[in-house]
Amino acid sequence: DSVREVYHEAGIRYRDWTAAVVILWALAIMFRFVALGTHSFEGYILAGFGMATIMVMRFFAFRGR
C-alpha cells in the first residue's frame, strides 16, 4: 500500500490527443466529400482509407482509458 502512495514529479505524463484525432477525422470526411464532388475515384478511396486508419487509431488510443 505504501508504494501506491509514492509521488514523484518525474512520473509518467499523458497528453490528450482527442482534439487532434477529431480534427484529422473531420478533414478526412471533408476530403472524401470533395473527392466525391470532383468525381475523383482515387481520392475517394484514399479518403476512405484515411478515415478507416483514424478510426483504428481512435479505437486503440481510447481502449486504454
C-alpha atoms as a PDB file:
ATOM      1  CA  ASP A   1       0.000   0.000   0.000  1.00  0.00           C
ATOM      2  CA  SER A   2       2.811   2.421   0.736  1.00  0.00           C
ATOM      3  CA  VAL A   3       4.145   2.020  -2.812  1.00  0.00           C
ATOM      4  CA  ARG A   4       0.887   3.310  -4.308  1.00  0.00           C
ATOM      5  CA  GLU A   5       1.099   6.483  -2.234  1.00  0.00           C
ATOM      6  CA  VAL A   6       4.543   7.431  -3.560  1.00  0.00           C
ATOM      7  CA  TYR A   7       4.515  10.581  -5.701  1.00  0.00           C
ATOM      8  CA  HIS A   8       7.321  11.799  -7.900  1.00  0.00           C
ATOM      9  CA  GLU A   9       7.321  14.826 -10.218  1.00  0.00           C
ATOM     10  CA  ALA A  10       9.126  12.900 -12.952  1.00  0.00           C
ATOM     11  CA  GLY A  11       6.256  10.443 -13.218  1.00  0.00           C
ATOM     12  CA  ILE A  12       4.522   9.489 -16.421  1.00  0.00           C
ATOM     13  CA  ARG A  13       2.611  12.328 -18.056  1.00  0.00           C
ATOM     14  CA  TYR A  14      -0.031  11.800 -20.674  1.00  0.00           C
ATOM     15  CA  ARG A  15      -1.245  14.101 -23.406  1.00  0.00           C
ATOM     16  CA  ASP A  16      -4.837  14.253 -24.525  1.00  0.00           C
ATOM     17  CA  TRP A  17      -4.879  13.765 -28.304  1.00  0.00           C
ATOM     18  CA  THR A  18      -8.670  13.732 -28.594  1.00  0.00           C
ATOM     19  CA  ALA A  19      -8.914  17.109 -30.334  1.00  0.00           C
ATOM     20  CA  ALA A  20      -6.211  16.237 -32.872  1.00  0.00           C
ATOM     21  CA  VAL A  21      -7.856  12.916 -33.735  1.00  0.00           C
ATOM     22  CA  VAL A  22     -11.266  14.564 -34.153  1.00  0.00           C
ATOM     23  CA  ILE A  23      -9.800  17.276 -36.404  1.00  0.00           C
ATOM     24  CA  LEU A  24      -7.981  14.690 -38.554  1.00  0.00           C
ATOM     25  CA  TRP A  25     -11.156  12.651 -38.800  1.00  0.00           C
ATOM     26  CA  ALA A  26     -13.149  15.734 -39.858  1.00  0.00           C
ATOM     27  CA  LEU A  27     -10.543  16.574 -42.508  1.00  0.00           C
ATOM     28  CA  ALA A  28     -10.725  13.040 -43.896  1.00  0.00           C
ATOM     29  CA  ILE A  29     -14.525  13.268 -44.080  1.00  0.00           C
ATOM     30  CA  MET A  30     -14.300  16.666 -45.784  1.00  0.00           C
ATOM     31  CA  PHE A  31     -11.739  15.359 -48.288  1.00  0.00           C
ATOM     32  CA  ARG A  32     -13.993  12.410 -49.026  1.00  0.00           C
ATOM     33  CA  PHE A  33     -16.885  14.708 -49.957  1.00  0.00           C
ATOM     34  CA  VAL A  34     -14.614  16.937 -52.033  1.00  0.00           C
ATOM     35  CA  ALA A  35     -13.322  13.872 -53.900  1.00  0.00           C
ATOM     36  CA  LEU A  36     -16.890  12.686 -54.432  1.00  0.00           C
ATOM     37  CA  GLY A  37     -17.884  16.090 -55.812  1.00  0.00           C
ATOM     38  CA  THR A  38     -14.933  16.260 -58.187  1.00  0.00           C
ATOM     39  CA  HIS A  39     -15.509  12.673 -59.378  1.00  0.00           C
ATOM     40  CA  SER A  40     -12.061  11.621 -58.171  1.00  0.00           C
ATOM     41  CA  PHE A  41     -12.371   7.900 -57.537  1.00  0.00           C
ATOM     42  CA  GLU A  42      -8.774   7.612 -56.306  1.00  0.00           C
ATOM     43  CA  GLY A  43      -9.257  10.486 -53.870  1.00  0.00           C
ATOM     44  CA  TYR A  44     -12.481   8.950 -52.605  1.00  0.00           C
ATOM     45  CA  ILE A  45     -10.740   5.617 -51.940  1.00  0.00           C
ATOM     46  CA  LEU A  46      -7.773   7.370 -50.311  1.00  0.00           C
ATOM     47  CA  ALA A  47     -10.049   9.406 -48.040  1.00  0.00           C
ATOM     48  CA  GLY A  48     -11.966   6.272 -47.067  1.00  0.00           C
ATOM     49  CA  PHE A  49      -8.693   4.546 -46.223  1.00  0.00           C
ATOM     50  CA  GLY A  50      -7.684   7.578 -44.151  1.00  0.00           C
ATOM     51  CA  MET A  51     -10.973   7.503 -42.257  1.00  0.00           C
ATOM     52  CA  ALA A  52     -10.546   3.797 -41.525  1.00  0.00           C
ATOM     53  CA  THR A  53      -6.993   4.372 -40.317  1.00  0.00           C
ATOM     54  CA  ILE A  54      -8.096   7.159 -37.988  1.00  0.00           C
ATOM     55  CA  MET A  55     -10.926   5.002 -36.644  1.00  0.00           C
ATOM     56  CA  VAL A  56      -8.445   2.220 -35.826  1.00  0.00           C
ATOM     57  CA  MET A  57      -6.103   4.736 -34.173  1.00  0.00           C
ATOM     58  CA  ARG A  58      -9.022   6.064 -32.140  1.00  0.00           C
ATOM     59  CA  PHE A  59     -10.031   2.557 -31.073  1.00  0.00           C
ATOM     60  CA  PHE A  60      -6.579   1.686 -29.767  1.00  0.00           C
ATOM     61  CA  ALA A  61      -5.997   5.117 -28.217  1.00  0.00           C
ATOM     62  CA  PHE A  62      -9.196   5.100 -26.174  1.00  0.00           C
ATOM     63  CA  ARG A  63      -9.022   1.406 -25.349  1.00  0.00           C
ATOM     64  CA  GLY A  64      -6.504   2.060 -22.593  1.00  0.00           C
ATOM     65  CA  ARG A  65      -8.697   4.538 -20.744  1.00  0.00           C
END
